[in-house]
Amino acid sequence: MFEQDYIIRLIKEMIRAILKLLFHMDTDNPNKDLLEEKESQDTLEKLLDMVDNGDINEAENQIYDMTSDDNMVNLEVALLFYSYLNEKEDDFLQKNDFSRDEIKSGLKELISRYGLTGMAEIFLSET
């Protein structure tokens, strides 16, 4: 229980740090309203609906596809996606064939695609 809470906190703080450093967003509650472009808000909303409907793996696949071009707006969407996913209860994740470790590994992969591997190592290497 305490280990899971610790991992949740680490993921949250890593996302918050990247949002602050790269996008100058300082918030405890990352959400779609932080996105400036309506298209990005709509994309994130669709991804979050997929999560709520239990299609987490499919939503993550879409994140993977959309971040293949190093577009910083897509990184922003992906970080907000993982932030939302990180807020889900472990029971919800497990019921939908996903885990906290998959959130961690997805974030590590995402961060490395944008050349920010050191940031992921700072926050996630000790878990």
N, C-alpha and C. Protein backbone atom coordinates (compact mmCIF):
# COMPACT_ATOMS: atom_id res chain seq x y z
N MET A 1 0.82 -1.19 0.00
CA MET A 1 0.00 0.00 0.00
C MET A 1 0.87 1.26 0.00
N PHE A 2 1.82 1.34 0.95
CA PHE A 2 2.67 2.52 1.03
C PHE A 2 3.55 2.65 -0.20
N GLU A 3 4.02 1.51 -0.72
CA GLU A 3 4.86 1.54 -1.92
C GLU A 3 4.07 2.06 -3.11
N GLN A 4 2.83 1.63 -3.26
CA GLN A 4 2.00 2.11 -4.36
C GLN A 4 1.75 3.61 -4.23
N ASP A 5 1.48 4.09 -3.01
CA ASP A 5 1.28 5.52 -2.79
C ASP A 5 2.53 6.30 -3.16
N TYR A 6 3.67 5.74 -2.84
CA TYR A 6 4.95 6.37 -3.15
C TYR A 6 5.14 6.46 -4.67
N ILE A 7 4.83 5.39 -5.37
CA ILE A 7 4.96 5.38 -6.83
C ILE A 7 4.00 6.39 -7.45
N ILE A 8 2.78 6.44 -6.96
CA ILE A 8 1.79 7.40 -7.46
C ILE A 8 2.32 8.82 -7.28
N ARG A 9 2.87 9.10 -6.12
CA ARG A 9 3.41 10.43 -5.84
C ARG A 9 4.59 10.77 -6.74
N LEU A 10 5.48 9.80 -6.96
CA LEU A 10 6.63 10.03 -7.84
C LEU A 10 6.19 10.35 -9.26
N ILE A 11 5.24 9.59 -9.76
CA ILE A 11 4.73 9.82 -11.12
C ILE A 11 4.11 11.21 -11.20
N LYS A 12 3.31 11.55 -10.22
CA LYS A 12 2.66 12.86 -10.19
C LYS A 12 3.69 13.98 -10.18
N GLU A 13 4.71 13.86 -9.35
CA GLU A 13 5.72 14.92 -9.25
C GLU A 13 6.58 15.01 -10.51
N MET A 14 6.85 13.89 -11.16
CA MET A 14 7.61 13.93 -12.40
C MET A 14 6.81 14.66 -13.48
N ILE A 15 5.55 14.33 -13.62
CA ILE A 15 4.70 14.99 -14.61
C ILE A 15 4.61 16.48 -14.31
N ARG A 16 4.43 16.80 -13.05
CA ARG A 16 4.33 18.21 -12.65
C ARG A 16 5.62 18.97 -12.96
N ALA A 17 6.75 18.35 -12.70
CA ALA A 17 8.04 19.00 -12.97
C ALA A 17 8.25 19.25 -14.46
N ILE A 18 7.91 18.27 -15.28
CA ILE A 18 8.09 18.42 -16.73
C ILE A 18 7.13 19.49 -17.26
N LEU A 19 5.89 19.48 -16.79
CA LEU A 19 4.94 20.50 -17.23
C LEU A 19 5.43 21.90 -16.85
N LYS A 20 6.02 22.00 -15.67
CA LYS A 20 6.51 23.31 -15.22
C LYS A 20 7.74 23.73 -16.02
N LEU A 21 8.69 22.82 -16.20
CA LEU A 21 9.94 23.17 -16.88
C LEU A 21 9.74 23.44 -18.38
N LEU A 22 8.98 22.60 -19.04
CA LEU A 22 8.84 22.73 -20.50
C LEU A 22 7.69 23.62 -20.94
N PHE A 23 6.62 23.62 -20.16
CA PHE A 23 5.42 24.32 -20.61
C PHE A 23 5.00 25.47 -19.69
N HIS A 24 5.80 25.71 -18.65
CA HIS A 24 5.55 26.80 -17.70
C HIS A 24 4.17 26.70 -17.06
N MET A 25 3.76 25.48 -16.78
CA MET A 25 2.49 25.21 -16.12
C MET A 25 2.79 24.73 -14.70
N ASP A 26 2.31 25.46 -13.73
CA ASP A 26 2.50 25.05 -12.35
C ASP A 26 1.13 24.77 -11.76
N THR A 27 0.79 23.50 -11.70
CA THR A 27 -0.53 23.12 -11.24
C THR A 27 -0.48 21.80 -10.49
N ASP A 28 -1.33 21.68 -9.51
CA ASP A 28 -1.49 20.41 -8.80
C ASP A 28 -2.54 19.53 -9.46
N ASN A 29 -3.31 20.12 -10.37
CA ASN A 29 -4.41 19.41 -11.00
C ASN A 29 -4.33 19.54 -12.53
N PRO A 30 -3.41 18.80 -13.15
CA PRO A 30 -3.30 18.89 -14.62
C PRO A 30 -4.58 18.37 -15.28
N ASN A 31 -5.10 19.16 -16.23
CA ASN A 31 -6.30 18.74 -16.96
C ASN A 31 -6.32 19.38 -18.34
N LYS A 32 -7.32 19.04 -19.13
CA LYS A 32 -7.38 19.47 -20.53
C LYS A 32 -7.46 20.98 -20.67
N ASP A 33 -7.95 21.68 -19.66
CA ASP A 33 -8.07 23.13 -19.74
C ASP A 33 -6.72 23.83 -19.81
N LEU A 34 -5.65 23.13 -19.47
CA LEU A 34 -4.32 23.69 -19.58
C LEU A 34 -3.84 23.76 -21.03
N LEU A 35 -4.45 22.98 -21.89
CA LEU A 35 -4.07 22.95 -23.31
C LEU A 35 -4.65 24.17 -24.01
N GLU A 36 -3.83 24.82 -24.81
CA GLU A 36 -4.27 26.03 -25.50
C GLU A 36 -5.10 25.74 -26.74
N GLU A 37 -4.77 24.67 -27.45
CA GLU A 37 -5.44 24.37 -28.70
C GLU A 37 -6.68 23.50 -28.47
N LYS A 38 -7.78 23.89 -29.09
CA LYS A 38 -9.04 23.13 -28.98
C LYS A 38 -8.87 21.70 -29.49
N GLU A 39 -8.11 21.54 -30.58
CA GLU A 39 -7.88 20.20 -31.14
C GLU A 39 -7.18 19.30 -30.12
N SER A 40 -6.22 19.84 -29.40
CA SER A 40 -5.50 19.07 -28.39
C SER A 40 -6.43 18.72 -27.23
N GLN A 41 -7.28 19.66 -26.84
CA GLN A 41 -8.25 19.39 -25.78
C GLN A 41 -9.18 18.25 -26.18
N ASP A 42 -9.64 18.30 -27.43
CA ASP A 42 -10.54 17.25 -27.93
C ASP A 42 -9.85 15.90 -27.97
N THR A 43 -8.60 15.89 -28.41
CA THR A 43 -7.83 14.65 -28.47
C THR A 43 -7.68 14.06 -27.07
N LEU A 44 -7.31 14.90 -26.12
CA LEU A 44 -7.15 14.43 -24.74
C LEU A 44 -8.47 13.92 -24.19
N GLU A 45 -9.53 14.64 -24.45
CA GLU A 45 -10.84 14.22 -23.95
C GLU A 45 -11.22 12.84 -24.49
N LYS A 46 -10.96 12.59 -25.76
CA LYS A 46 -11.25 11.27 -26.34
C LYS A 46 -10.41 10.18 -25.68
N LEU A 47 -9.14 10.48 -25.44
CA LEU A 47 -8.26 9.51 -24.78
C LEU A 47 -8.72 9.22 -23.35
N LEU A 48 -9.14 10.24 -22.65
CA LEU A 48 -9.61 10.05 -21.27
C LEU A 48 -10.92 9.27 -21.24
N ASP A 49 -11.77 9.51 -22.23
CA ASP A 49 -13.01 8.71 -22.34
C ASP A 49 -12.67 7.24 -22.57
N MET A 50 -11.65 6.99 -23.37
CA MET A 50 -11.22 5.61 -23.61
C MET A 50 -10.76 4.97 -22.31
N VAL A 51 -10.02 5.72 -21.51
CA VAL A 51 -9.57 5.21 -20.21
C VAL A 51 -10.79 4.87 -19.36
N ASP A 52 -11.72 5.79 -19.26
CA ASP A 52 -12.91 5.57 -18.43
C ASP A 52 -13.73 4.37 -18.89
N ASN A 53 -13.67 4.09 -20.20
CA ASN A 53 -14.40 2.95 -20.76
C ASN A 53 -13.59 1.65 -20.68
N GLY A 54 -12.40 1.71 -20.10
CA GLY A 54 -11.59 0.51 -19.93
C GLY A 54 -10.67 0.19 -21.10
N ASP A 55 -10.60 1.06 -22.08
CA ASP A 55 -9.75 0.84 -23.25
C ASP A 55 -8.38 1.50 -23.06
N ILE A 56 -7.76 1.21 -21.95
CA ILE A 56 -6.51 1.88 -21.58
C ILE A 56 -5.39 1.53 -22.54
N ASN A 57 -5.24 0.27 -22.86
CA ASN A 57 -4.15 -0.14 -23.76
C ASN A 57 -4.30 0.50 -25.14
N GLU A 58 -5.51 0.56 -25.64
CA GLU A 58 -5.75 1.19 -26.93
C GLU A 58 -5.44 2.69 -26.87
N ALA A 59 -5.83 3.34 -25.79
CA ALA A 59 -5.54 4.76 -25.63
C ALA A 59 -4.03 4.99 -25.55
N GLU A 60 -3.34 4.12 -24.84
CA GLU A 60 -1.88 4.26 -24.74
C GLU A 60 -1.23 4.04 -26.10
N ASN A 61 -1.76 3.12 -26.89
CA ASN A 61 -1.25 2.91 -28.25
C ASN A 61 -1.40 4.19 -29.09
N GLN A 62 -2.51 4.87 -28.91
CA GLN A 62 -2.71 6.13 -29.64
C GLN A 62 -1.72 7.19 -29.17
N ILE A 63 -1.43 7.21 -27.89
CA ILE A 63 -0.41 8.13 -27.35
C ILE A 63 0.92 7.82 -28.01
N TYR A 64 1.25 6.55 -28.09
CA TYR A 64 2.52 6.13 -28.70
C TYR A 64 2.59 6.61 -30.15
N ASP A 65 1.51 6.42 -30.90
CA ASP A 65 1.48 6.84 -32.31
C ASP A 65 1.61 8.36 -32.46
N MET A 66 0.91 9.09 -31.63
CA MET A 66 0.90 10.55 -31.80
C MET A 66 2.18 11.22 -31.30
N THR A 67 2.97 10.52 -30.52
CA THR A 67 4.21 11.12 -30.03
C THR A 67 5.42 10.67 -30.84
N SER A 68 5.19 10.06 -31.97
CA SER A 68 6.31 9.58 -32.78
C SER A 68 6.97 10.70 -33.57
N ASP A 69 6.37 11.89 -33.59
CA ASP A 69 6.92 12.97 -34.40
C ASP A 69 7.62 14.07 -33.58
N ASP A 70 7.80 13.86 -32.29
CA ASP A 70 8.47 14.82 -31.40
C ASP A 70 7.74 16.16 -31.29
N ASN A 71 6.46 16.20 -31.59
CA ASN A 71 5.66 17.41 -31.45
C ASN A 71 5.44 17.69 -29.96
N MET A 72 5.81 18.88 -29.51
CA MET A 72 5.73 19.21 -28.09
C MET A 72 4.29 19.29 -27.59
N VAL A 73 3.35 19.67 -28.45
CA VAL A 73 1.95 19.71 -28.03
C VAL A 73 1.48 18.29 -27.72
N ASN A 74 1.92 17.32 -28.51
CA ASN A 74 1.56 15.93 -28.25
C ASN A 74 2.19 15.42 -26.96
N LEU A 75 3.38 15.90 -26.63
CA LEU A 75 3.98 15.55 -25.33
C LEU A 75 3.11 16.08 -24.20
N GLU A 76 2.64 17.28 -24.36
CA GLU A 76 1.77 17.89 -23.35
C GLU A 76 0.50 17.06 -23.16
N VAL A 77 -0.12 16.66 -24.26
CA VAL A 77 -1.32 15.81 -24.20
C VAL A 77 -0.99 14.49 -23.51
N ALA A 78 0.13 13.89 -23.88
CA ALA A 78 0.52 12.60 -23.31
C ALA A 78 0.76 12.71 -21.81
N LEU A 79 1.40 13.76 -21.38
CA LEU A 79 1.65 13.94 -19.94
C LEU A 79 0.34 14.10 -19.18
N LEU A 80 -0.60 14.84 -19.74
CA LEU A 80 -1.91 14.99 -19.09
C LEU A 80 -2.66 13.66 -19.08
N PHE A 81 -2.50 12.88 -20.13
CA PHE A 81 -3.09 11.54 -20.18
C PHE A 81 -2.55 10.67 -19.04
N TYR A 82 -1.23 10.63 -18.91
CA TYR A 82 -0.64 9.80 -17.86
C TYR A 82 -0.97 10.33 -16.47
N SER A 83 -1.10 11.63 -16.34
CA SER A 83 -1.50 12.20 -15.06
C SER A 83 -2.90 11.70 -14.68
N TYR A 84 -3.81 11.73 -15.62
CA TYR A 84 -5.17 11.26 -15.40
C TYR A 84 -5.17 9.76 -15.07
N LEU A 85 -4.42 9.01 -15.83
CA LEU A 85 -4.34 7.57 -15.62
C LEU A 85 -3.76 7.26 -14.23
N ASN A 86 -2.79 8.03 -13.82
CA ASN A 86 -2.15 7.83 -12.52
C ASN A 86 -3.11 8.06 -11.35
N GLU A 87 -4.15 8.85 -11.58
CA GLU A 87 -5.14 9.13 -10.54
C GLU A 87 -6.13 7.98 -10.34
N LYS A 88 -6.15 7.05 -11.28
CA LYS A 88 -7.08 5.92 -11.18
C LYS A 88 -6.65 4.97 -10.06
N GLU A 89 -7.62 4.37 -9.44
CA GLU A 89 -7.37 3.39 -8.38
C GLU A 89 -6.74 2.14 -8.97
N ASP A 90 -5.96 1.45 -8.16
CA ASP A 90 -5.31 0.21 -8.60
C ASP A 90 -6.34 -0.84 -9.03
N ASP A 91 -7.47 -0.90 -8.33
CA ASP A 91 -8.51 -1.86 -8.69
C ASP A 91 -9.04 -1.59 -10.11
N PHE A 92 -9.23 -0.32 -10.44
CA PHE A 92 -9.68 0.05 -11.78
C PHE A 92 -8.66 -0.37 -12.83
N LEU A 93 -7.40 -0.07 -12.55
CA LEU A 93 -6.33 -0.43 -13.49
C LEU A 93 -6.29 -1.94 -13.69
N GLN A 94 -6.30 -2.67 -12.59
CA GLN A 94 -6.22 -4.13 -12.66
C GLN A 94 -7.43 -4.71 -13.41
N LYS A 95 -8.60 -4.19 -13.13
CA LYS A 95 -9.82 -4.66 -13.80
C LYS A 95 -9.72 -4.48 -15.32
N ASN A 96 -8.97 -3.48 -15.74
CA ASN A 96 -8.84 -3.18 -17.16
C ASN A 96 -7.48 -3.58 -17.72
N ASP A 97 -6.88 -4.60 -17.11
CA ASP A 97 -5.62 -5.19 -17.57
C ASP A 97 -4.50 -4.16 -17.72
N PHE A 98 -4.36 -3.32 -16.71
CA PHE A 98 -3.30 -2.33 -16.70
C PHE A 98 -2.74 -2.27 -15.28
N SER A 99 -1.57 -1.67 -15.13
CA SER A 99 -0.97 -1.60 -13.81
C SER A 99 -0.20 -0.30 -13.63
N ARG A 100 0.13 -0.01 -12.40
CA ARG A 100 0.93 1.16 -12.08
C ARG A 100 2.30 1.06 -12.75
N ASP A 101 2.86 -0.15 -12.81
CA ASP A 101 4.15 -0.35 -13.47
C ASP A 101 4.07 -0.01 -14.96
N GLU A 102 2.92 -0.28 -15.58
CA GLU A 102 2.76 0.07 -16.99
C GLU A 102 2.69 1.59 -17.18
N ILE A 103 2.13 2.28 -16.20
CA ILE A 103 2.14 3.74 -16.26
C ILE A 103 3.58 4.23 -16.20
N LYS A 104 4.34 3.67 -15.27
CA LYS A 104 5.75 4.04 -15.13
C LYS A 104 6.52 3.78 -16.41
N SER A 105 6.37 2.59 -16.97
CA SER A 105 7.14 2.25 -18.17
C SER A 105 6.68 3.07 -19.37
N GLY A 106 5.39 3.35 -19.46
CA GLY A 106 4.89 4.20 -20.54
C GLY A 106 5.45 5.61 -20.45
N LEU A 107 5.51 6.12 -19.25
CA LEU A 107 6.08 7.45 -19.05
C LEU A 107 7.57 7.48 -19.38
N LYS A 108 8.28 6.44 -18.94
CA LYS A 108 9.71 6.37 -19.25
C LYS A 108 9.94 6.35 -20.76
N GLU A 109 9.15 5.57 -21.47
CA GLU A 109 9.27 5.51 -22.93
C GLU A 109 8.95 6.86 -23.55
N LEU A 110 7.89 7.48 -23.10
CA LEU A 110 7.49 8.79 -23.61
C LEU A 110 8.60 9.81 -23.39
N ILE A 111 9.11 9.87 -22.20
CA ILE A 111 10.13 10.85 -21.85
C ILE A 111 11.40 10.61 -22.67
N SER A 112 11.76 9.37 -22.87
CA SER A 112 12.98 9.09 -23.64
C SER A 112 12.81 9.49 -25.11
N ARG A 113 11.59 9.41 -25.64
CA ARG A 113 11.34 9.83 -27.02
C ARG A 113 11.61 11.32 -27.22
N TYR A 114 11.47 12.07 -26.17
CA TYR A 114 11.68 13.51 -26.24
C TYR A 114 13.04 13.94 -25.67
N GLY A 115 13.92 12.97 -25.48
CA GLY A 115 15.27 13.27 -25.02
C GLY A 115 15.36 13.70 -23.58
N LEU A 116 14.41 13.28 -22.76
CA LEU A 116 14.37 13.68 -21.36
C LEU A 116 14.59 12.49 -20.42
N THR A 117 15.38 11.54 -20.86
CA THR A 117 15.59 10.32 -20.10
C THR A 117 16.09 10.61 -18.68
N GLY A 118 16.96 11.60 -18.56
CA GLY A 118 17.50 11.95 -17.24
C GLY A 118 16.42 12.32 -16.25
N MET A 119 15.37 12.98 -16.74
CA MET A 119 14.26 13.37 -15.87
C MET A 119 13.54 12.14 -15.34
N ALA A 120 13.31 11.17 -16.20
CA ALA A 120 12.63 9.95 -15.77
C ALA A 120 13.50 9.20 -14.76
N GLU A 121 14.80 9.17 -14.98
CA GLU A 121 15.71 8.47 -14.07
C GLU A 121 15.72 9.12 -12.70
N ILE A 122 15.64 10.44 -12.65
CA ILE A 122 15.63 11.14 -11.37
C ILE A 122 14.44 10.71 -10.54
N PHE A 123 13.28 10.64 -11.17
CA PHE A 123 12.06 10.36 -10.43
C PHE A 123 11.73 8.88 -10.30
N LEU A 124 12.00 8.09 -11.34
CA LEU A 124 11.47 6.74 -11.37
C LEU A 124 12.51 5.64 -11.19
N SER A 125 13.77 5.96 -11.12
CA SER A 125 14.79 4.90 -11.05
C SER A 125 14.79 4.18 -9.72
N GLU A 126 14.35 4.83 -8.67
CA GLU A 126 14.41 4.20 -7.36
C GLU A 126 13.21 3.34 -7.05
N THR A 127 12.24 3.27 -7.96
CA THR A 127 11.05 2.45 -7.68
C THR A 127 11.13 1.11 -8.36
